[in-house]
Amino acid sequence: MYKYQSSKNSGSKSWVLQRITGLALVVLMIGHYILMHFHPENGHTYDAVLIRMQFSWYRIIDLSFITLGMYHGLNGIWGIFRDYNLKPWLKISVVSILIILGLAFTAWGYNIIFSIPYITNLAGK
């Protein structure tokens, strides 16, 4: 028999956020594709990336990619697990593992972006 669930318990917020992050990721991906593949002068070398990362907008875009992508991916995995009738201890275990992995990989990505130095004199390179 069908059991009514309020929107608090139904996962509707998660569903909406999944769509919003997916749409944002598509927009960011198109921008990334245009920037990296239609303008070969931007290059893919270390020096080209270092020059590009001197602009805060590129860092913000990369941080957005990491944050949105991690949420979108882990929320999707949790959505798959939510379809199954898991025991409470297993639900807590899966959510805990997803949160720990998500925070660890997000912190790793943030650390990489923030470790790229700002260089005051690029002409000397």
N, C-alpha and C. Protein backbone atom coordinates (compact mmCIF):
# COMPACT_ATOMS: atom_id res chain seq x y z
N MET A 1 0.84 -1.18 0.00
CA MET A 1 0.00 0.00 0.00
C MET A 1 0.88 1.24 0.00
N TYR A 2 0.43 2.25 -0.67
CA TYR A 2 1.16 3.51 -0.75
C TYR A 2 1.12 4.24 0.57
N LYS A 3 2.28 4.70 1.01
CA LYS A 3 2.35 5.48 2.25
C LYS A 3 2.74 6.91 1.88
N TYR A 4 1.91 7.85 2.32
CA TYR A 4 2.18 9.26 2.02
C TYR A 4 3.44 9.72 2.74
N GLN A 5 4.29 10.43 2.01
CA GLN A 5 5.46 11.05 2.61
C GLN A 5 5.39 12.54 2.36
N SER A 6 5.62 13.30 3.38
CA SER A 6 5.65 14.75 3.20
C SER A 6 6.88 15.11 2.37
N SER A 7 6.94 16.32 1.88
CA SER A 7 8.07 16.72 1.05
C SER A 7 9.38 16.69 1.85
N LYS A 8 9.28 16.76 3.16
CA LYS A 8 10.47 16.68 4.00
C LYS A 8 11.13 15.31 3.89
N ASN A 9 10.35 14.26 3.77
CA ASN A 9 10.86 12.90 3.74
C ASN A 9 10.93 12.29 2.34
N SER A 10 10.41 12.98 1.34
CA SER A 10 10.30 12.37 0.02
C SER A 10 11.56 12.52 -0.83
N GLY A 11 12.46 13.39 -0.45
CA GLY A 11 13.64 13.63 -1.27
C GLY A 11 13.42 14.67 -2.35
N SER A 12 12.35 15.45 -2.24
CA SER A 12 12.06 16.43 -3.29
C SER A 12 13.11 17.54 -3.35
N LYS A 13 13.64 17.95 -2.22
CA LYS A 13 14.69 18.98 -2.24
C LYS A 13 15.93 18.43 -2.93
N SER A 14 16.25 17.21 -2.63
CA SER A 14 17.39 16.55 -3.26
C SER A 14 17.17 16.45 -4.77
N TRP A 15 15.96 16.12 -5.18
CA TRP A 15 15.64 16.00 -6.60
C TRP A 15 15.80 17.34 -7.31
N VAL A 16 15.30 18.41 -6.69
CA VAL A 16 15.40 19.75 -7.30
C VAL A 16 16.86 20.18 -7.38
N LEU A 17 17.62 19.97 -6.30
CA LEU A 17 19.03 20.36 -6.31
C LEU A 17 19.82 19.54 -7.32
N GLN A 18 19.43 18.30 -7.54
CA GLN A 18 20.10 17.47 -8.55
C GLN A 18 19.91 18.09 -9.93
N ARG A 19 18.72 18.57 -10.22
CA ARG A 19 18.44 19.19 -11.53
C ARG A 19 19.16 20.52 -11.66
N ILE A 20 19.18 21.32 -10.60
CA ILE A 20 19.84 22.62 -10.65
C ILE A 20 21.34 22.45 -10.85
N THR A 21 21.96 21.54 -10.07
CA THR A 21 23.41 21.34 -10.23
C THR A 21 23.73 20.73 -11.59
N GLY A 22 22.86 19.87 -12.09
CA GLY A 22 23.08 19.31 -13.43
C GLY A 22 23.06 20.39 -14.49
N LEU A 23 22.10 21.30 -14.40
CA LEU A 23 22.01 22.39 -15.36
C LEU A 23 23.22 23.31 -15.26
N ALA A 24 23.63 23.62 -14.03
CA ALA A 24 24.81 24.47 -13.84
C ALA A 24 26.06 23.78 -14.39
N LEU A 25 26.18 22.47 -14.18
CA LEU A 25 27.34 21.75 -14.71
C LEU A 25 27.36 21.74 -16.23
N VAL A 26 26.20 21.65 -16.86
CA VAL A 26 26.14 21.70 -18.33
C VAL A 26 26.63 23.06 -18.82
N VAL A 27 26.18 24.14 -18.17
CA VAL A 27 26.62 25.48 -18.57
C VAL A 27 28.13 25.63 -18.38
N LEU A 28 28.64 25.19 -17.23
CA LEU A 28 30.08 25.27 -16.98
C LEU A 28 30.86 24.41 -17.97
N MET A 29 30.32 23.24 -18.30
CA MET A 29 31.01 22.34 -19.23
C MET A 29 31.09 22.96 -20.63
N ILE A 30 30.02 23.59 -21.07
CA ILE A 30 30.03 24.24 -22.39
C ILE A 30 31.06 25.36 -22.40
N GLY A 31 31.07 26.16 -21.33
CA GLY A 31 32.08 27.22 -21.23
C GLY A 31 33.49 26.66 -21.24
N HIS A 32 33.71 25.59 -20.51
CA HIS A 32 35.02 24.95 -20.47
C HIS A 32 35.40 24.43 -21.85
N TYR A 33 34.47 23.80 -22.52
CA TYR A 33 34.75 23.24 -23.83
C TYR A 33 35.12 24.34 -24.83
N ILE A 34 34.37 25.43 -24.81
CA ILE A 34 34.66 26.55 -25.72
C ILE A 34 36.03 27.13 -25.41
N LEU A 35 36.31 27.34 -24.13
CA LEU A 35 37.57 27.94 -23.74
C LEU A 35 38.76 27.05 -24.08
N MET A 36 38.66 25.77 -23.78
CA MET A 36 39.82 24.90 -23.91
C MET A 36 39.99 24.28 -25.30
N HIS A 37 38.92 24.13 -26.06
CA HIS A 37 39.04 23.39 -27.30
C HIS A 37 38.81 24.23 -28.56
N PHE A 38 38.18 25.38 -28.42
CA PHE A 38 38.00 26.26 -29.58
C PHE A 38 39.06 27.35 -29.63
N HIS A 39 39.83 27.49 -28.56
CA HIS A 39 40.90 28.48 -28.51
C HIS A 39 42.21 27.77 -28.16
N PRO A 40 42.84 27.15 -29.14
CA PRO A 40 44.04 26.37 -28.84
C PRO A 40 45.18 27.21 -28.28
N GLU A 41 45.14 28.53 -28.48
CA GLU A 41 46.21 29.37 -27.94
C GLU A 41 46.21 29.40 -26.41
N ASN A 42 45.07 28.99 -25.81
CA ASN A 42 45.04 28.92 -24.35
C ASN A 42 45.96 27.83 -23.83
N GLY A 43 46.14 26.81 -24.60
CA GLY A 43 47.11 25.76 -24.29
C GLY A 43 46.74 24.90 -23.10
N HIS A 44 47.47 23.80 -23.00
CA HIS A 44 47.25 22.86 -21.91
C HIS A 44 48.55 22.59 -21.16
N THR A 45 49.52 23.46 -21.34
CA THR A 45 50.79 23.29 -20.66
C THR A 45 50.70 23.87 -19.25
N TYR A 46 51.69 23.54 -18.44
CA TYR A 46 51.73 24.05 -17.07
C TYR A 46 51.76 25.58 -17.07
N ASP A 47 52.57 26.17 -17.95
CA ASP A 47 52.68 27.63 -18.00
C ASP A 47 51.35 28.27 -18.40
N ALA A 48 50.64 27.66 -19.36
CA ALA A 48 49.35 28.21 -19.78
C ALA A 48 48.33 28.15 -18.65
N VAL A 49 48.35 27.04 -17.92
CA VAL A 49 47.42 26.92 -16.79
C VAL A 49 47.79 27.91 -15.69
N LEU A 50 49.08 28.08 -15.44
CA LEU A 50 49.54 29.02 -14.42
C LEU A 50 49.12 30.45 -14.77
N ILE A 51 49.27 30.82 -16.03
CA ILE A 51 48.85 32.16 -16.46
C ILE A 51 47.34 32.31 -16.32
N ARG A 52 46.60 31.29 -16.74
CA ARG A 52 45.14 31.35 -16.66
C ARG A 52 44.67 31.46 -15.20
N MET A 53 45.35 30.78 -14.31
CA MET A 53 44.92 30.77 -12.90
C MET A 53 45.30 32.05 -12.16
N GLN A 54 45.92 33.00 -12.85
CA GLN A 54 46.19 34.29 -12.23
C GLN A 54 44.92 35.13 -12.15
N PHE A 55 43.92 34.74 -12.89
CA PHE A 55 42.63 35.44 -12.87
C PHE A 55 41.69 34.72 -11.91
N SER A 56 41.15 35.45 -10.98
CA SER A 56 40.29 34.84 -9.95
C SER A 56 39.06 34.17 -10.54
N TRP A 57 38.59 34.66 -11.69
CA TRP A 57 37.39 34.06 -12.28
C TRP A 57 37.62 32.60 -12.64
N TYR A 58 38.81 32.27 -13.11
CA TYR A 58 39.10 30.88 -13.44
C TYR A 58 39.11 30.01 -12.19
N ARG A 59 39.62 30.56 -11.11
CA ARG A 59 39.61 29.81 -9.85
C ARG A 59 38.18 29.60 -9.36
N ILE A 60 37.36 30.63 -9.48
CA ILE A 60 35.97 30.53 -9.06
C ILE A 60 35.24 29.48 -9.91
N ILE A 61 35.51 29.48 -11.21
CA ILE A 61 34.89 28.49 -12.09
C ILE A 61 35.32 27.08 -11.69
N ASP A 62 36.61 26.89 -11.44
CA ASP A 62 37.09 25.57 -11.04
C ASP A 62 36.54 25.14 -9.70
N LEU A 63 36.46 26.06 -8.75
CA LEU A 63 35.87 25.73 -7.45
C LEU A 63 34.39 25.38 -7.59
N SER A 64 33.71 26.08 -8.50
CA SER A 64 32.30 25.77 -8.76
C SER A 64 32.16 24.38 -9.37
N PHE A 65 33.04 24.06 -10.31
CA PHE A 65 33.04 22.71 -10.91
C PHE A 65 33.20 21.64 -9.84
N ILE A 66 34.16 21.83 -8.96
CA ILE A 66 34.42 20.84 -7.92
C ILE A 66 33.21 20.69 -7.01
N THR A 67 32.70 21.80 -6.53
CA THR A 67 31.60 21.77 -5.57
C THR A 67 30.33 21.18 -6.19
N LEU A 68 29.95 21.71 -7.34
CA LEU A 68 28.73 21.24 -7.99
C LEU A 68 28.86 19.79 -8.45
N GLY A 69 30.01 19.46 -9.02
CA GLY A 69 30.21 18.10 -9.50
C GLY A 69 30.20 17.08 -8.37
N MET A 70 30.83 17.43 -7.26
CA MET A 70 30.86 16.50 -6.13
C MET A 70 29.46 16.32 -5.55
N TYR A 71 28.73 17.43 -5.38
CA TYR A 71 27.37 17.30 -4.86
C TYR A 71 26.51 16.47 -5.82
N HIS A 72 26.57 16.81 -7.09
CA HIS A 72 25.74 16.15 -8.09
C HIS A 72 26.03 14.64 -8.15
N GLY A 73 27.29 14.29 -8.16
CA GLY A 73 27.66 12.89 -8.25
C GLY A 73 27.28 12.09 -7.01
N LEU A 74 27.61 12.63 -5.84
CA LEU A 74 27.30 11.90 -4.61
C LEU A 74 25.80 11.86 -4.32
N ASN A 75 25.10 12.92 -4.67
CA ASN A 75 23.65 12.92 -4.51
C ASN A 75 23.02 11.88 -5.44
N GLY A 76 23.58 11.75 -6.63
CA GLY A 76 23.09 10.72 -7.56
C GLY A 76 23.33 9.31 -7.03
N ILE A 77 24.51 9.09 -6.45
CA ILE A 77 24.79 7.78 -5.86
C ILE A 77 23.84 7.52 -4.70
N TRP A 78 23.62 8.53 -3.86
CA TRP A 78 22.70 8.35 -2.74
C TRP A 78 21.28 8.09 -3.25
N GLY A 79 20.90 8.72 -4.35
CA GLY A 79 19.58 8.48 -4.94
C GLY A 79 19.40 7.03 -5.37
N ILE A 80 20.47 6.44 -5.87
CA ILE A 80 20.41 5.02 -6.24
C ILE A 80 20.20 4.17 -5.00
N PHE A 81 20.98 4.44 -3.95
CA PHE A 81 20.84 3.66 -2.72
C PHE A 81 19.48 3.88 -2.06
N ARG A 82 18.94 5.09 -2.20
CA ARG A 82 17.65 5.39 -1.58
C ARG A 82 16.51 4.59 -2.21
N ASP A 83 16.71 4.14 -3.44
CA ASP A 83 15.68 3.33 -4.10
C ASP A 83 15.50 1.96 -3.45
N TYR A 84 16.50 1.52 -2.72
CA TYR A 84 16.44 0.22 -2.07
C TYR A 84 15.98 0.39 -0.63
N ASN A 85 15.34 -0.63 -0.12
CA ASN A 85 14.85 -0.59 1.25
C ASN A 85 15.99 -1.04 2.18
N LEU A 86 16.87 -0.09 2.51
CA LEU A 86 18.03 -0.40 3.33
C LEU A 86 17.67 -0.38 4.81
N LYS A 87 18.38 -1.19 5.55
CA LYS A 87 18.21 -1.16 7.00
C LYS A 87 18.81 0.14 7.52
N PRO A 88 18.31 0.64 8.65
CA PRO A 88 18.79 1.93 9.16
C PRO A 88 20.31 2.00 9.34
N TRP A 89 20.92 0.94 9.85
CA TRP A 89 22.37 0.97 10.07
C TRP A 89 23.12 1.04 8.75
N LEU A 90 22.56 0.42 7.70
CA LEU A 90 23.21 0.45 6.40
C LEU A 90 23.03 1.83 5.75
N LYS A 91 21.86 2.42 5.94
CA LYS A 91 21.62 3.78 5.44
C LYS A 91 22.62 4.76 6.03
N ILE A 92 22.79 4.68 7.35
CA ILE A 92 23.72 5.58 8.04
C ILE A 92 25.14 5.33 7.56
N SER A 93 25.50 4.08 7.36
CA SER A 93 26.84 3.75 6.89
C SER A 93 27.10 4.31 5.49
N VAL A 94 26.15 4.13 4.59
CA VAL A 94 26.32 4.61 3.21
C VAL A 94 26.41 6.13 3.19
N VAL A 95 25.50 6.79 3.90
CA VAL A 95 25.52 8.26 3.94
C VAL A 95 26.83 8.75 4.54
N SER A 96 27.28 8.10 5.60
CA SER A 96 28.53 8.51 6.25
C SER A 96 29.72 8.37 5.30
N ILE A 97 29.78 7.25 4.61
CA ILE A 97 30.88 7.05 3.66
C ILE A 97 30.83 8.08 2.54
N LEU A 98 29.64 8.36 2.02
CA LEU A 98 29.51 9.35 0.94
C LEU A 98 29.92 10.74 1.43
N ILE A 99 29.52 11.10 2.63
CA ILE A 99 29.87 12.42 3.16
C ILE A 99 31.38 12.52 3.38
N ILE A 100 31.97 11.49 3.97
CA ILE A 100 33.41 11.51 4.22
C ILE A 100 34.19 11.58 2.91
N LEU A 101 33.83 10.74 1.94
CA LEU A 101 34.51 10.78 0.64
C LEU A 101 34.29 12.13 -0.06
N GLY A 102 33.08 12.64 0.00
CA GLY A 102 32.78 13.91 -0.63
C GLY A 102 33.59 15.04 -0.04
N LEU A 103 33.65 15.11 1.28
CA LEU A 103 34.43 16.17 1.93
C LEU A 103 35.91 16.01 1.65
N ALA A 104 36.41 14.77 1.66
CA ALA A 104 37.83 14.54 1.42
C ALA A 104 38.22 14.95 -0.01
N PHE A 105 37.46 14.52 -1.00
CA PHE A 105 37.81 14.85 -2.38
C PHE A 105 37.57 16.33 -2.69
N THR A 106 36.57 16.93 -2.08
CA THR A 106 36.35 18.37 -2.26
C THR A 106 37.51 19.15 -1.65
N ALA A 107 37.94 18.77 -0.44
CA ALA A 107 39.07 19.44 0.20
C ALA A 107 40.34 19.26 -0.63
N TRP A 108 40.52 18.08 -1.21
CA TRP A 108 41.69 17.82 -2.05
C TRP A 108 41.68 18.75 -3.28
N GLY A 109 40.53 18.86 -3.92
CA GLY A 109 40.41 19.75 -5.08
C GLY A 109 40.62 21.20 -4.72
N TYR A 110 40.04 21.64 -3.61
CA TYR A 110 40.24 23.01 -3.15
C TYR A 110 41.71 23.26 -2.85
N ASN A 111 42.36 22.29 -2.22
CA ASN A 111 43.77 22.43 -1.88
C ASN A 111 44.62 22.61 -3.13
N ILE A 112 44.31 21.86 -4.17
CA ILE A 112 45.07 21.98 -5.42
C ILE A 112 44.88 23.36 -6.03
N ILE A 113 43.66 23.84 -6.07
CA ILE A 113 43.41 25.16 -6.67
C ILE A 113 44.05 26.27 -5.85
N PHE A 114 43.92 26.19 -4.52
CA PHE A 114 44.48 27.24 -3.68
C PHE A 114 46.00 27.16 -3.58
N SER A 115 46.59 26.03 -3.95
CA SER A 115 48.05 25.92 -3.90
C SER A 115 48.72 26.48 -5.15
N ILE A 116 47.96 26.80 -6.17
CA ILE A 116 48.53 27.42 -7.37
C ILE A 116 48.87 28.85 -7.03
N PRO A 117 50.14 29.23 -7.16
CA PRO A 117 50.55 30.55 -6.69
C PRO A 117 50.10 31.67 -7.62
N TYR A 118 49.87 32.82 -7.00
CA TYR A 118 49.71 34.05 -7.77
C TYR A 118 51.11 34.59 -8.03
N ILE A 119 51.40 34.90 -9.27
CA ILE A 119 52.73 35.38 -9.63
C ILE A 119 52.61 36.85 -10.04
N THR A 120 53.45 37.67 -9.43
CA THR A 120 53.37 39.11 -9.71
C THR A 120 54.06 39.49 -11.01
N ASN A 121 55.12 38.76 -11.39
CA ASN A 121 55.84 39.11 -12.62
C ASN A 121 55.84 37.91 -13.56
N LEU A 122 54.85 37.87 -14.45
CA LEU A 122 54.76 36.76 -15.41
C LEU A 122 55.69 36.98 -16.60
N ALA A 123 56.15 38.22 -16.84
CA ALA A 123 57.00 38.50 -17.98
C ALA A 123 58.37 37.83 -17.82
N GLY A 124 58.79 37.62 -16.59
CA GLY A 124 60.09 37.01 -16.34
C GLY A 124 60.11 35.51 -16.53
N LYS A 125 58.99 34.92 -16.79
CA LYS A 125 58.93 33.46 -16.95
C LYS A 125 59.38 33.01 -18.29
